[in-house]
Amino acid sequence: MNTDSSISMTAAEIAQALHVSAGTVRNYTSSAMTKLGARSRRQAASIARDHGWI
């Protein structure tokens, strides 16, 4: 799954692509954003890209 396209996808769409529940996507997203200090998925992706993680 491309990171740029996943930013515009809903939790349900990401969940379907990864074969997990939408709640799991929301929980993982929230946890990652908290750890990164990001306010949005876009900002979290930017931080990850800046650090070379994606």
C-alpha atoms as a PDB file:
ATOM      1  CA  MET A   1       0.000   0.000   0.000  1.00  0.00           C
ATOM      2  CA  ASN A   2       1.396   3.359  -1.035  1.00  0.00           C
ATOM      3  CA  THR A   3       1.799   5.796   1.872  1.00  0.00           C
ATOM      4  CA  ASP A   4       0.522   8.807  -0.087  1.00  0.00           C
ATOM      5  CA  SER A   5      -2.634   6.991  -1.128  1.00  0.00           C
ATOM      6  CA  SER A   6      -3.213   5.641   2.392  1.00  0.00           C
ATOM      7  CA  ILE A   7      -3.380   9.213   3.721  1.00  0.00           C
ATOM      8  CA  SER A   8      -6.532   9.829   1.695  1.00  0.00           C
ATOM      9  CA  MET A   9      -8.074   6.443   2.531  1.00  0.00           C
ATOM     10  CA  THR A  10     -10.575   5.971   5.343  1.00  0.00           C
ATOM     11  CA  ALA A  11      -9.853   3.651   8.253  1.00  0.00           C
ATOM     12  CA  ALA A  12     -12.367   1.199   6.766  1.00  0.00           C
ATOM     13  CA  GLU A  13     -10.594   1.212   3.384  1.00  0.00           C
ATOM     14  CA  ILE A  14      -7.182   0.665   4.994  1.00  0.00           C
ATOM     15  CA  ALA A  15      -8.656  -2.105   7.159  1.00  0.00           C
ATOM     16  CA  GLN A  16     -10.080  -3.867   4.130  1.00  0.00           C
ATOM     17  CA  ALA A  17      -6.719  -3.662   2.313  1.00  0.00           C
ATOM     18  CA  LEU A  18      -4.868  -5.059   5.351  1.00  0.00           C
ATOM     19  CA  HIS A  19      -7.559  -7.598   6.345  1.00  0.00           C
ATOM     20  CA  VAL A  20      -8.008  -6.152   9.848  1.00  0.00           C
ATOM     21  CA  SER A  21     -10.871  -4.264  11.496  1.00  0.00           C
ATOM     22  CA  ALA A  22     -11.372  -0.533  11.139  1.00  0.00           C
ATOM     23  CA  GLY A  23     -11.049  -0.261  14.929  1.00  0.00           C
ATOM     24  CA  THR A  24      -7.605  -1.829  14.741  1.00  0.00           C
ATOM     25  CA  VAL A  25      -6.562   0.710  12.119  1.00  0.00           C
ATOM     26  CA  ARG A  26      -7.878   3.580  14.252  1.00  0.00           C
ATOM     27  CA  ASN A  27      -6.111   2.256  17.371  1.00  0.00           C
ATOM     28  CA  TYR A  28      -2.782   1.732  15.593  1.00  0.00           C
ATOM     29  CA  THR A  29      -3.038   5.101  13.870  1.00  0.00           C
ATOM     30  CA  SER A  30      -3.796   6.882  17.128  1.00  0.00           C
ATOM     31  CA  SER A  31      -0.932   5.135  18.915  1.00  0.00           C
ATOM     32  CA  ALA A  32       1.560   5.964  16.169  1.00  0.00           C
ATOM     33  CA  MET A  33       0.428   9.582  15.997  1.00  0.00           C
ATOM     34  CA  THR A  34       0.766   9.970  19.768  1.00  0.00           C
ATOM     35  CA  LYS A  35       4.267   8.491  19.750  1.00  0.00           C
ATOM     36  CA  LEU A  36       5.302  10.784  16.893  1.00  0.00           C
ATOM     37  CA  GLY A  37       3.601  13.869  18.329  1.00  0.00           C
ATOM     38  CA  ALA A  38       1.636  14.215  15.092  1.00  0.00           C
ATOM     39  CA  ARG A  39      -1.759  15.881  14.854  1.00  0.00           C
ATOM     40  CA  SER A  40      -2.812  14.178  11.613  1.00  0.00           C
ATOM     41  CA  ARG A  41      -2.051  11.116   9.514  1.00  0.00           C
ATOM     42  CA  ARG A  42      -0.468  13.404   6.943  1.00  0.00           C
ATOM     43  CA  GLN A  43       1.872  14.877   9.567  1.00  0.00           C
ATOM     44  CA  ALA A  44       2.700  11.387  10.886  1.00  0.00           C
ATOM     45  CA  ALA A  45       3.574  10.244   7.355  1.00  0.00           C
ATOM     46  CA  SER A  46       5.725  13.343   6.867  1.00  0.00           C
ATOM     47  CA  ILE A  47       7.621  12.687  10.105  1.00  0.00           C
ATOM     48  CA  ALA A  48       8.148   9.039   9.153  1.00  0.00           C
ATOM     49  CA  ARG A  49       9.351  10.020   5.677  1.00  0.00           C
ATOM     50  CA  ASP A  50      11.733  12.642   7.135  1.00  0.00           C
ATOM     51  CA  HIS A  51      13.273   9.965   9.360  1.00  0.00           C
ATOM     52  CA  GLY A  52      13.598   7.484   6.484  1.00  0.00           C
ATOM     53  CA  TRP A  53      11.148   5.015   8.024  1.00  0.00           C
ATOM     54  CA  ILE A  54       9.029   4.854   4.880  1.00  0.00           C
END
